[in-house]
PDB file of all heavy atoms in Angstrom:
ATOM      1  N   ALA A   1     -75.208 156.362 180.916  1.00  0.00           N
ATOM      2  CA  ALA A   1     -76.445 155.666 181.012  1.00  0.00           C
ATOM      3  C   ALA A   1     -76.903 155.015 179.847  1.00  0.00           C
ATOM      4  O   ALA A   1     -77.413 153.954 179.855  1.00  0.00           O
ATOM      5  CB  ALA A   1     -77.656 156.804 181.445  1.00  0.00           C
ATOM      6  N   CYS A   2     -76.715 155.686 178.698  1.00  0.00           N
ATOM      7  CA  CYS A   2     -77.024 154.959 177.340  1.00  0.00           C
ATOM      8  C   CYS A   2     -76.117 153.843 177.052  1.00  0.00           C
ATOM      9  O   CYS A   2     -76.573 152.839 176.465  1.00  0.00           O
ATOM     10  CB  CYS A   2     -76.990 156.018 176.190  1.00  0.00           C
ATOM     11  SG  CYS A   2     -78.209 157.264 176.333  1.00  0.00           S
ATOM     12  N   ASP A   3     -74.851 153.785 177.481  1.00  0.00           N
ATOM     13  CA  ASP A   3     -73.921 152.713 177.295  1.00  0.00           C
ATOM     14  C   ASP A   3     -74.438 151.522 178.185  1.00  0.00           C
ATOM     15  O   ASP A   3     -74.545 150.417 177.706  1.00  0.00           O
ATOM     16  CB  ASP A   3     -72.515 152.999 177.770  1.00  0.00           C
ATOM     17  CG  ASP A   3     -71.731 153.898 176.838  1.00  0.00           C
ATOM     18  OD1 ASP A   3     -72.259 154.069 175.649  1.00  0.00           O
ATOM     19  OD2 ASP A   3     -70.608 154.309 177.140  1.00  0.00           O
ATOM     20  N   PHE A   4     -74.828 151.790 179.446  1.00  0.00           N
ATOM     21  CA  PHE A   4     -75.436 150.779 180.204  1.00  0.00           C
ATOM     22  C   PHE A   4     -76.728 150.195 179.577  1.00  0.00           C
ATOM     23  O   PHE A   4     -77.054 148.993 179.597  1.00  0.00           O
ATOM     24  CB  PHE A   4     -75.723 151.210 181.674  1.00  0.00           C
ATOM     25  CG  PHE A   4     -74.478 151.059 182.614  1.00  0.00           C
ATOM     26  CD1 PHE A   4     -73.945 152.226 183.184  1.00  0.00           C
ATOM     27  CD2 PHE A   4     -74.030 149.921 182.800  1.00  0.00           C
ATOM     28  CE1 PHE A   4     -72.896 152.073 184.127  1.00  0.00           C
ATOM     29  CE2 PHE A   4     -72.905 149.729 183.646  1.00  0.00           C
ATOM     30  CZ  PHE A   4     -72.304 150.841 184.261  1.00  0.00           C
ATOM     31  N   ARG A   5     -77.562 151.115 179.028  1.00  0.00           N
ATOM     32  CA  ARG A   5     -78.850 150.801 178.425  1.00  0.00           C
ATOM     33  C   ARG A   5     -78.574 149.878 177.264  1.00  0.00           C
ATOM     34  O   ARG A   5     -79.137 148.854 177.061  1.00  0.00           O
ATOM     35  CB  ARG A   5     -79.495 152.026 177.868  1.00  0.00           C
ATOM     36  CG  ARG A   5     -80.767 151.716 177.144  1.00  0.00           C
ATOM     37  CD  ARG A   5     -81.214 152.906 176.167  1.00  0.00           C
ATOM     38  NE  ARG A   5     -80.194 153.147 175.182  1.00  0.00           N
ATOM     39  CZ  ARG A   5     -80.069 154.327 174.572  1.00  0.00           C
ATOM     40  NH1 ARG A   5     -80.841 155.373 174.992  1.00  0.00           N
ATOM     41  NH2 ARG A   5     -79.068 154.514 173.753  1.00  0.00           N
ATOM     42  N   ASP A   6     -77.585 150.202 176.400  1.00  0.00           N
ATOM     43  CA  ASP A   6     -77.279 149.359 175.223  1.00  0.00           C
ATOM     44  C   ASP A   6     -76.627 148.110 175.592  1.00  0.00           C
ATOM     45  O   ASP A   6     -76.687 147.034 174.660  1.00  0.00           O
ATOM     46  CB  ASP A   6     -76.221 150.215 174.287  1.00  0.00           C
ATOM     47  CG  ASP A   6     -76.936 151.577 173.816  1.00  0.00           C
ATOM     48  OD1 ASP A   6     -78.159 151.583 173.896  1.00  0.00           O
ATOM     49  OD2 ASP A   6     -76.160 152.369 173.287  1.00  0.00           O
ATOM     50  N   SER A   7     -76.149 147.948 176.824  1.00  0.00           N
ATOM     51  CA  SER A   7     -75.502 146.637 177.170  1.00  0.00           C
ATOM     52  C   SER A   7     -76.387 145.909 178.231  1.00  0.00           C
ATOM     53  O   SER A   7     -76.080 144.942 178.689  1.00  0.00           O
ATOM     54  CB  SER A   7     -74.150 146.769 177.779  1.00  0.00           C
ATOM     55  OG  SER A   7     -73.306 147.289 176.846  1.00  0.00           O
ATOM     56  N   TYR A   8     -77.588 146.535 178.441  1.00  0.00           N
ATOM     57  CA  TYR A   8     -78.493 145.924 179.553  1.00  0.00           C
ATOM     58  C   TYR A   8     -78.839 144.513 179.238  1.00  0.00           C
ATOM     59  O   TYR A   8     -78.834 143.647 180.184  1.00  0.00           O
ATOM     60  CB  TYR A   8     -79.672 146.842 179.589  1.00  0.00           C
ATOM     61  CG  TYR A   8     -80.545 146.501 180.815  1.00  0.00           C
ATOM     62  CD1 TYR A   8     -80.127 146.630 182.146  1.00  0.00           C
ATOM     63  CD2 TYR A   8     -81.852 146.000 180.747  1.00  0.00           C
ATOM     64  CE1 TYR A   8     -80.814 146.389 183.171  1.00  0.00           C
ATOM     65  CE2 TYR A   8     -82.558 145.729 181.810  1.00  0.00           C
ATOM     66  CZ  TYR A   8     -82.135 145.861 183.093  1.00  0.00           C
ATOM     67  OH  TYR A   8     -82.892 145.564 184.193  1.00  0.00           O
ATOM     68  N   SER A   9     -79.150 144.030 178.136  1.00  0.00           N
ATOM     69  CA  SER A   9     -79.526 142.658 177.939  1.00  0.00           C
ATOM     70  C   SER A   9     -78.301 141.705 178.295  1.00  0.00           C
ATOM     71  O   SER A   9     -78.521 140.657 178.765  1.00  0.00           O
ATOM     72  CB  SER A   9     -79.951 142.374 176.488  1.00  0.00           C
ATOM     73  OG  SER A   9     -78.987 142.674 175.542  1.00  0.00           O
ATOM     74  N   ARG A  10     -77.108 142.120 177.985  1.00  0.00           N
ATOM     75  CA  ARG A  10     -75.923 141.360 178.283  1.00  0.00           C
ATOM     76  C   ARG A  10     -75.778 141.267 179.803  1.00  0.00           C
ATOM     77  O   ARG A  10     -75.443 140.210 180.411  1.00  0.00           O
ATOM     78  CB  ARG A  10     -74.696 141.874 177.729  1.00  0.00           C
ATOM     79  CG  ARG A  10     -74.683 141.570 176.146  1.00  0.00           C
ATOM     80  CD  ARG A  10     -73.623 142.535 175.485  1.00  0.00           C
ATOM     81  NE  ARG A  10     -72.231 142.281 175.893  1.00  0.00           N
ATOM     82  CZ  ARG A  10     -71.220 143.207 175.762  1.00  0.00           C
ATOM     83  NH1 ARG A  10     -71.558 144.345 175.212  1.00  0.00           N
ATOM     84  NH2 ARG A  10     -70.070 142.965 176.259  1.00  0.00           N
ATOM     85  N   ILE A  11     -76.105 142.409 180.554  1.00  0.00           N
ATOM     86  CA  ILE A  11     -75.964 142.443 182.039  1.00  0.00           C
ATOM     87  C   ILE A  11     -77.099 141.522 182.607  1.00  0.00           C
ATOM     88  O   ILE A  11     -76.842 140.773 183.459  1.00  0.00           O
ATOM     89  CB  ILE A  11     -76.098 143.884 182.460  1.00  0.00           C
ATOM     90  CG1 ILE A  11     -74.805 144.661 182.094  1.00  0.00           C
ATOM     91  CG2 ILE A  11     -76.250 143.937 183.971  1.00  0.00           C
ATOM     92  CD1 ILE A  11     -74.869 146.140 182.168  1.00  0.00           C
ATOM     93  N   LYS A  12     -78.268 141.680 182.080  1.00  0.00           N
ATOM     94  CA  LYS A  12     -79.443 140.896 182.594  1.00  0.00           C
ATOM     95  C   LYS A  12     -79.174 139.401 182.420  1.00  0.00           C
ATOM     96  O   LYS A  12     -79.495 138.517 183.273  1.00  0.00           O
ATOM     97  CB  LYS A  12     -80.762 141.294 181.892  1.00  0.00           C
ATOM     98  CG  LYS A  12     -81.420 142.273 182.876  1.00  0.00           C
ATOM     99  CD  LYS A  12     -82.905 142.521 182.271  1.00  0.00           C
ATOM    100  CE  LYS A  12     -83.758 141.431 182.719  1.00  0.00           C
ATOM    101  NZ  LYS A  12     -84.820 141.878 183.666  1.00  0.00           N
ATOM    102  N   ARG A  13     -78.652 138.813 181.205  1.00  0.00           N
ATOM    103  CA  ARG A  13     -78.387 137.485 180.969  1.00  0.00           C
ATOM    104  C   ARG A  13     -77.539 136.876 182.043  1.00  0.00           C
ATOM    105  O   ARG A  13     -77.579 135.767 182.197  1.00  0.00           O
ATOM    106  CB  ARG A  13     -77.823 137.382 179.576  1.00  0.00           C
ATOM    107  CG  ARG A  13     -78.857 137.291 178.412  1.00  0.00           C
ATOM    108  CD  ARG A  13     -78.263 136.664 177.219  1.00  0.00           C
ATOM    109  NE  ARG A  13     -77.113 137.420 176.628  1.00  0.00           N
ATOM    110  CZ  ARG A  13     -77.228 138.467 175.814  1.00  0.00           C
ATOM    111  NH1 ARG A  13     -78.431 138.897 175.427  1.00  0.00           N
ATOM    112  NH2 ARG A  13     -76.162 138.948 175.311  1.00  0.00           N
ATOM    113  N   LYS A  14     -76.632 137.783 182.683  1.00  0.00           N
ATOM    114  CA  LYS A  14     -75.775 137.311 183.684  1.00  0.00           C
ATOM    115  C   LYS A  14     -76.499 137.330 185.026  1.00  0.00           C
ATOM    116  O   LYS A  14     -75.811 136.858 186.014  1.00  0.00           O
ATOM    117  CB  LYS A  14     -74.448 138.214 183.785  1.00  0.00           C
ATOM    118  CG  LYS A  14     -73.552 138.083 182.563  1.00  0.00           C
ATOM    119  CD  LYS A  14     -72.448 139.096 182.650  1.00  0.00           C
ATOM    120  CE  LYS A  14     -71.474 139.070 181.509  1.00  0.00           C
ATOM    121  NZ  LYS A  14     -70.657 137.930 181.501  1.00  0.00           N
ATOM    122  N   GLY A  15     -77.751 137.603 185.058  1.00  0.00           N
ATOM    123  CA  GLY A  15     -78.558 137.570 186.269  1.00  0.00           C
ATOM    124  C   GLY A  15     -78.119 138.694 187.159  1.00  0.00           C
ATOM    125  O   GLY A  15     -78.301 138.541 188.490  1.00  0.00           O
ATOM    126  N   VAL A  16     -77.685 139.827 186.602  1.00  0.00           N
ATOM    127  CA  VAL A  16     -77.217 140.905 187.434  1.00  0.00           C
ATOM    128  C   VAL A  16     -78.212 142.002 187.549  1.00  0.00           C
ATOM    129  O   VAL A  16     -78.881 142.286 186.474  1.00  0.00           O
ATOM    130  CB  VAL A  16     -75.788 141.476 186.769  1.00  0.00           C
ATOM    131  CG1 VAL A  16     -75.381 142.699 187.519  1.00  0.00           C
ATOM    132  CG2 VAL A  16     -74.848 140.314 186.881  1.00  0.00           C
ATOM    133  N   VAL A  17     -78.317 142.672 188.699  1.00  0.00           N
ATOM    134  CA  VAL A  17     -79.213 143.766 188.837  1.00  0.00           C
ATOM    135  C   VAL A  17     -78.302 145.113 188.660  1.00  0.00           C
ATOM    136  O   VAL A  17     -77.292 145.120 189.132  1.00  0.00           O
ATOM    137  CB  VAL A  17     -79.788 143.788 190.299  1.00  0.00           C
ATOM    138  CG1 VAL A  17     -80.473 145.056 190.561  1.00  0.00           C
ATOM    139  CG2 VAL A  17     -80.650 142.599 190.536  1.00  0.00           C
ATOM    140  N   LEU A  18     -78.827 145.917 187.764  1.00  0.00           N
ATOM    141  CA  LEU A  18     -78.118 147.288 187.520  1.00  0.00           C
ATOM    142  C   LEU A  18     -78.993 148.378 188.162  1.00  0.00           C
ATOM    143  O   LEU A  18     -80.033 148.475 187.917  1.00  0.00           O
ATOM    144  CB  LEU A  18     -78.063 147.469 186.047  1.00  0.00           C
ATOM    145  CG  LEU A  18     -77.442 148.865 185.529  1.00  0.00           C
ATOM    146  CD1 LEU A  18     -75.956 148.924 186.052  1.00  0.00           C
ATOM    147  CD2 LEU A  18     -77.443 148.804 184.063  1.00  0.00           C
ATOM    148  N   LEU A  19     -78.348 149.273 188.914  1.00  0.00           N
ATOM    149  CA  LEU A  19     -78.882 150.392 189.661  1.00  0.00           C
ATOM    150  C   LEU A  19     -77.934 151.612 189.563  1.00  0.00           C
ATOM    151  O   LEU A  19     -76.808 151.594 189.787  1.00  0.00           O
ATOM    152  CB  LEU A  19     -79.062 150.071 191.268  1.00  0.00           C
ATOM    153  CG  LEU A  19     -79.813 148.829 191.589  1.00  0.00           C
ATOM    154  CD1 LEU A  19     -79.638 148.658 193.095  1.00  0.00           C
ATOM    155  CD2 LEU A  19     -81.301 148.990 191.213  1.00  0.00           C
ATOM    156  N   GLY A  20     -78.704 152.710 189.026  1.00  0.00           N
ATOM    157  CA  GLY A  20     -77.884 153.924 188.951  1.00  0.00           C
ATOM    158  C   GLY A  20     -78.263 154.791 190.045  1.00  0.00           C
ATOM    159  O   GLY A  20     -79.457 154.831 190.548  1.00  0.00           O
ATOM    160  N   VAL A  21     -77.357 155.573 190.585  1.00  0.00           N
ATOM    161  CA  VAL A  21     -77.640 156.538 191.791  1.00  0.00           C
ATOM    162  C   VAL A  21     -77.047 157.854 191.541  1.00  0.00           C
ATOM    163  O   VAL A  21     -75.933 158.009 191.097  1.00  0.00           O
ATOM    164  CB  VAL A  21     -76.877 155.947 193.024  1.00  0.00           C
ATOM    165  CG1 VAL A  21     -77.264 156.855 194.216  1.00  0.00           C
ATOM    166  CG2 VAL A  21     -77.218 154.510 193.249  1.00  0.00           C
ATOM    167  N   SER A  22     -77.960 158.946 191.746  1.00  0.00           N
ATOM    168  CA  SER A  22     -77.412 160.412 191.707  1.00  0.00           C
ATOM    169  C   SER A  22     -78.238 161.165 192.755  1.00  0.00           C
ATOM    170  O   SER A  22     -79.225 160.614 193.148  1.00  0.00           O
ATOM    171  CB  SER A  22     -77.529 160.865 190.267  1.00  0.00           C
ATOM    172  OG  SER A  22     -78.778 161.464 190.115  1.00  0.00           O
ATOM    173  N   PRO A  23     -77.787 162.324 192.958  1.00  0.00           N
ATOM    174  CA  PRO A  23     -78.548 163.172 193.992  1.00  0.00           C
ATOM    175  C   PRO A  23     -79.786 163.813 193.353  1.00  0.00           C
ATOM    176  O   PRO A  23     -80.426 164.536 194.015  1.00  0.00           O
ATOM    177  CB  PRO A  23     -77.597 164.248 194.427  1.00  0.00           C
ATOM    178  CG  PRO A  23     -76.256 163.887 193.772  1.00  0.00           C
ATOM    179  CD  PRO A  23     -76.424 162.854 192.713  1.00  0.00           C
ATOM    180  N   ASP A  24     -80.073 163.497 192.161  1.00  0.00           N
ATOM    181  CA  ASP A  24     -81.210 164.123 191.521  1.00  0.00           C
ATOM    182  C   ASP A  24     -82.574 163.609 192.116  1.00  0.00           C
ATOM    183  O   ASP A  24     -82.543 162.579 192.672  1.00  0.00           O
ATOM    184  CB  ASP A  24     -81.270 163.890 190.021  1.00  0.00           C
ATOM    185  CG  ASP A  24     -80.087 164.471 189.231  1.00  0.00           C
ATOM    186  OD1 ASP A  24     -80.114 165.763 189.332  1.00  0.00           O
ATOM    187  OD2 ASP A  24     -79.194 163.808 188.729  1.00  0.00           O
ATOM    188  N   SER A  25     -83.687 164.354 191.843  1.00  0.00           N
ATOM    189  CA  SER A  25     -84.916 163.933 192.503  1.00  0.00           C
ATOM    190  C   SER A  25     -85.605 162.858 191.644  1.00  0.00           C
ATOM    191  O   SER A  25     -85.177 162.529 190.499  1.00  0.00           O
ATOM    192  CB  SER A  25     -85.858 165.271 192.411  1.00  0.00           C
ATOM    193  OG  SER A  25     -86.176 165.462 190.932  1.00  0.00           O
ATOM    194  N   GLU A  26     -86.656 162.281 192.221  1.00  0.00           N
ATOM    195  CA  GLU A  26     -87.448 161.305 191.425  1.00  0.00           C
ATOM    196  C   GLU A  26     -87.908 161.864 190.164  1.00  0.00           C
ATOM    197  O   GLU A  26     -87.790 161.093 189.158  1.00  0.00           O
ATOM    198  CB  GLU A  26     -88.602 160.836 192.355  1.00  0.00           C
ATOM    199  CG  GLU A  26     -88.396 160.119 193.657  1.00  0.00           C
ATOM    200  CD  GLU A  26     -89.443 159.978 194.643  1.00  0.00           C
ATOM    201  OE1 GLU A  26     -90.563 159.573 193.992  1.00  0.00           O
ATOM    202  OE2 GLU A  26     -89.397 160.171 195.724  1.00  0.00           O
ATOM    203  N   LYS A  27     -88.359 163.013 190.145  1.00  0.00           N
ATOM    204  CA  LYS A  27     -89.062 163.590 189.002  1.00  0.00           C
ATOM    205  C   LYS A  27     -87.903 163.796 187.847  1.00  0.00           C
ATOM    206  O   LYS A  27     -88.165 163.427 186.719  1.00  0.00           O
ATOM    207  CB  LYS A  27     -89.603 165.056 189.316  1.00  0.00           C
ATOM    208  CG  LYS A  27     -90.252 165.699 188.208  1.00  0.00           C
ATOM    209  CD  LYS A  27     -91.615 165.025 187.764  1.00  0.00           C
ATOM    210  CE  LYS A  27     -92.236 165.757 186.760  1.00  0.00           C
ATOM    211  NZ  LYS A  27     -93.051 164.850 185.832  1.00  0.00           N
ATOM    212  N   SER A  28     -86.723 164.217 188.247  1.00  0.00           N
ATOM    213  CA  SER A  28     -85.664 164.319 187.379  1.00  0.00           C
ATOM    214  C   SER A  28     -85.231 162.934 186.833  1.00  0.00           C
ATOM    215  O   SER A  28     -85.056 162.823 185.617  1.00  0.00           O
ATOM    216  CB  SER A  28     -84.353 164.963 187.988  1.00  0.00           C
ATOM    217  OG  SER A  28     -83.301 165.084 187.170  1.00  0.00           O
ATOM    218  N   HIS A  29     -85.235 161.868 187.714  1.00  0.00           N
ATOM    219  CA  HIS A  29     -84.917 160.522 187.169  1.00  0.00           C
ATOM    220  C   HIS A  29     -86.056 160.141 186.255  1.00  0.00           C
ATOM    221  O   HIS A  29     -85.690 159.539 185.248  1.00  0.00           O
ATOM    222  CB  HIS A  29     -84.821 159.589 188.306  1.00  0.00           C
ATOM    223  CG  HIS A  29     -83.604 159.752 189.172  1.00  0.00           C
ATOM    224  ND1 HIS A  29     -82.334 160.247 188.650  1.00  0.00           N
ATOM    225  CD2 HIS A  29     -83.241 159.274 190.352  1.00  0.00           C
ATOM    226  CE1 HIS A  29     -81.399 160.204 189.457  1.00  0.00           C
ATOM    227  NE2 HIS A  29     -81.934 159.503 190.711  1.00  0.00           N
ATOM    228  N   GLN A  30     -87.260 160.410 186.465  1.00  0.00           N
ATOM    229  CA  GLN A  30     -88.443 159.959 185.669  1.00  0.00           C
ATOM    230  C   GLN A  30     -88.136 160.555 184.234  1.00  0.00           C
ATOM    231  O   GLN A  30     -88.197 159.774 183.250  1.00  0.00           O
ATOM    232  CB  GLN A  30     -89.678 160.464 186.183  1.00  0.00           C
ATOM    233  CG  GLN A  30     -90.538 159.507 186.765  1.00  0.00           C
ATOM    234  CD  GLN A  30     -91.853 160.112 187.361  1.00  0.00           C
ATOM    235  OE1 GLN A  30     -92.084 161.338 187.276  1.00  0.00           O
ATOM    236  NE2 GLN A  30     -92.584 159.325 187.997  1.00  0.00           N
ATOM    237  N   ASN A  31     -87.887 161.883 184.228  1.00  0.00           N
ATOM    238  CA  ASN A  31     -87.693 162.393 182.868  1.00  0.00           C
ATOM    239  C   ASN A  31     -86.541 161.931 182.191  1.00  0.00           C
ATOM    240  O   ASN A  31     -86.545 161.742 180.917  1.00  0.00           O
ATOM    241  CB  ASN A  31     -87.527 164.004 183.018  1.00  0.00           C
ATOM    242  CG  ASN A  31     -88.694 164.714 183.541  1.00  0.00           C
ATOM    243  OD1 ASN A  31     -89.870 164.158 183.337  1.00  0.00           O
ATOM    244  ND2 ASN A  31     -88.662 165.840 184.211  1.00  0.00           N
ATOM    245  N   PHE A  32     -85.294 161.690 182.781  1.00  0.00           N
ATOM    246  CA  PHE A  32     -84.102 161.192 182.306  1.00  0.00           C
ATOM    247  C   PHE A  32     -84.364 159.756 181.749  1.00  0.00           C
ATOM    248  O   PHE A  32     -83.914 159.489 180.590  1.00  0.00           O
ATOM    249  CB  PHE A  32     -83.022 161.077 183.362  1.00  0.00           C
ATOM    250  CG  PHE A  32     -81.658 160.774 182.878  1.00  0.00           C
ATOM    251  CD1 PHE A  32     -81.041 161.335 181.883  1.00  0.00           C
ATOM    252  CD2 PHE A  32     -80.908 159.874 183.698  1.00  0.00           C
ATOM    253  CE1 PHE A  32     -79.667 161.095 181.420  1.00  0.00           C
ATOM    254  CE2 PHE A  32     -79.600 159.605 183.336  1.00  0.00           C
ATOM    255  CZ  PHE A  32     -79.042 160.132 182.125  1.00  0.00           C
ATOM    256  N   LYS A  33     -85.107 158.942 182.462  1.00  0.00           N
ATOM    257  CA  LYS A  33     -85.318 157.524 182.061  1.00  0.00           C
ATOM    258  C   LYS A  33     -86.230 157.495 180.805  1.00  0.00           C
ATOM    259  O   LYS A  33     -85.956 156.757 179.865  1.00  0.00           O
ATOM    260  CB  LYS A  33     -86.145 156.745 183.169  1.00  0.00           C
ATOM    261  CG  LYS A  33     -85.153 156.038 184.001  1.00  0.00           C
ATOM    262  CD  LYS A  33     -85.938 155.059 184.893  1.00  0.00           C
ATOM    263  CE  LYS A  33     -86.406 153.963 184.353  1.00  0.00           C
ATOM    264  NZ  LYS A  33     -86.581 152.645 185.053  1.00  0.00           N
ATOM    265  N   GLU A  34     -87.240 158.402 180.834  1.00  0.00           N
ATOM    266  CA  GLU A  34     -88.161 158.411 179.626  1.00  0.00           C
ATOM    267  C   GLU A  34     -87.426 158.981 178.442  1.00  0.00           C
ATOM    268  O   GLU A  34     -87.533 158.303 177.289  1.00  0.00           O
ATOM    269  CB  GLU A  34     -89.441 159.412 179.959  1.00  0.00           C
ATOM    270  CG  GLU A  34     -90.396 158.689 180.782  1.00  0.00           C
ATOM    271  CD  GLU A  34     -91.576 159.621 181.035  1.00  0.00           C
ATOM    272  OE1 GLU A  34     -91.846 160.562 180.262  1.00  0.00           O
ATOM    273  OE2 GLU A  34     -92.204 159.464 182.184  1.00  0.00           O
ATOM    274  N   LYS A  35     -86.714 159.997 178.578  1.00  0.00           N
ATOM    275  CA  LYS A  35     -86.020 160.655 177.431  1.00  0.00           C
ATOM    276  C   LYS A  35     -85.082 159.747 176.759  1.00  0.00           C
ATOM    277  O   LYS A  35     -84.899 159.610 175.576  1.00  0.00           O
ATOM    278  CB  LYS A  35     -85.258 161.832 177.972  1.00  0.00           C
ATOM    279  CG  LYS A  35     -84.677 162.721 176.836  1.00  0.00           C
ATOM    280  CD  LYS A  35     -84.088 163.971 177.554  1.00  0.00           C
ATOM    281  CE  LYS A  35     -83.568 164.894 176.478  1.00  0.00           C
ATOM    282  NZ  LYS A  35     -82.873 166.089 177.052  1.00  0.00           N
TER     283      LYS A  35
END
């Protein structure tokens, strides 16, 4: 996730949408994203 974060501007510049998927809950994802 941090590797994707660190390259996110390069991905966005290509006009690409990035989506992560796991079986974790919304709350778990919220905490992970914030952290």
